[in-house]
Amino acid sequence: MCRNITTLRGLEPVATAEEIEAAARQYVRKVGGIQAPSARTEAAMEKAVAAVAAATTELLAELPPRKQPPKNDPPLRRLAARA
């Protein structure tokens, strides 16, 4: 659905909770069609982000290791590399 969400499986070191939450937030924003939550939408958005992040964490823990790491680093790692 969203080609900009970076693959988190197979990262070395493994994806952090912050990286998982950033991907979940990006997914929820895309699906919800909301760039910045308003007072009316903030609670629903945060609840959805928490649910997606939890599901993502569980998924990454249960999948077998990748043979090769992903081709691209997550955005948070790219920002850290530039600094």
Protein backbone atom coordinates (compact mmCIF):
# COMPACT_ATOMS: atom_id res chain seq x y z
CA MET A 1 0.00 0.00 0.00
CA CYS A 2 2.62 2.54 0.99
CA ARG A 3 5.88 2.05 -0.81
CA ASN A 4 7.66 4.47 1.53
CA ILE A 5 7.39 2.26 4.60
CA THR A 6 10.81 0.66 4.96
CA THR A 7 11.29 -3.05 5.58
CA LEU A 8 12.18 -3.63 9.23
CA ARG A 9 12.74 -7.39 9.14
CA GLY A 10 16.37 -8.42 8.98
CA LEU A 11 17.94 -5.18 10.15
CA GLU A 12 21.24 -5.35 12.00
CA PRO A 13 20.91 -4.37 14.76
CA VAL A 14 17.24 -5.32 14.97
CA ALA A 15 14.53 -2.71 14.56
CA THR A 16 14.05 -0.55 17.63
CA ALA A 17 10.72 0.26 19.25
CA GLU A 18 11.11 3.81 17.93
CA GLU A 19 11.56 2.56 14.34
CA ILE A 20 8.57 0.24 14.67
CA GLU A 21 6.41 3.06 16.03
CA ALA A 22 7.50 5.40 13.21
CA ALA A 23 6.50 2.80 10.61
CA ALA A 24 3.18 2.20 12.40
CA ARG A 25 2.49 5.93 12.54
CA GLN A 26 3.24 6.30 8.84
CA TYR A 27 0.93 3.38 8.02
CA VAL A 28 -1.93 4.73 10.16
CA ARG A 29 -1.60 8.20 8.66
CA LYS A 30 -1.67 6.78 5.15
CA VAL A 31 -4.67 4.50 5.77
CA GLY A 32 -6.55 7.21 7.69
CA GLY A 33 -5.73 9.93 5.17
CA ILE A 34 -4.64 12.21 8.00
CA GLN A 35 -1.36 14.13 7.93
CA ALA A 36 -1.64 15.72 11.37
CA PRO A 37 -4.27 14.51 13.84
CA SER A 38 -6.73 17.04 15.21
CA ALA A 39 -8.18 17.01 18.71
CA ARG A 40 -11.08 14.92 17.35
CA THR A 41 -8.86 12.30 15.69
CA GLU A 42 -5.82 12.15 17.98
CA ALA A 43 -7.10 9.48 20.40
CA ALA A 44 -8.17 7.15 17.59
CA MET A 45 -4.87 7.68 15.76
CA GLU A 46 -2.78 6.96 18.87
CA LYS A 47 -4.80 3.84 19.65
CA ALA A 48 -4.30 2.60 16.08
CA VAL A 49 -0.56 3.37 16.15
CA ALA A 50 -0.19 1.38 19.38
CA ALA A 51 -2.11 -1.58 17.92
CA VAL A 52 -0.13 -1.59 14.66
CA ALA A 53 3.19 -1.24 16.52
CA ALA A 54 2.29 -4.16 18.81
CA ALA A 55 1.28 -6.32 15.85
CA THR A 56 4.47 -5.38 14.01
CA THR A 57 6.64 -6.22 17.02
CA GLU A 58 4.95 -9.60 17.33
CA LEU A 59 5.28 -10.28 13.61
CA LEU A 60 9.00 -9.44 13.53
CA ALA A 61 9.60 -11.69 16.55
CA GLU A 62 7.86 -14.66 14.94
CA LEU A 63 9.26 -14.46 11.41
CA PRO A 64 12.38 -16.46 10.57
CA PRO A 65 15.61 -14.53 9.95
CA ARG A 66 16.22 -13.09 6.50
CA LYS A 67 19.06 -14.42 4.39
CA GLN A 68 20.01 -10.88 3.37
CA PRO A 69 19.35 -7.58 5.11
CA PRO A 70 16.90 -5.14 3.48
CA LYS A 71 18.31 -2.88 0.77
CA ASN A 72 17.32 0.37 2.48
CA ASP A 73 17.76 1.58 6.03
CA PRO A 74 14.71 2.92 7.88
CA PRO A 75 14.39 6.73 7.84
CA LEU A 76 15.51 7.10 11.48
CA ARG A 77 18.78 5.29 10.70
CA ARG A 78 19.33 7.44 7.63
CA LEU A 79 18.93 10.58 9.74
CA ALA A 80 21.35 9.23 12.35
CA ALA A 81 23.91 8.38 9.66
CA ARG A 82 23.80 11.96 8.33
CA ALA A 83 24.41 13.44 11.79
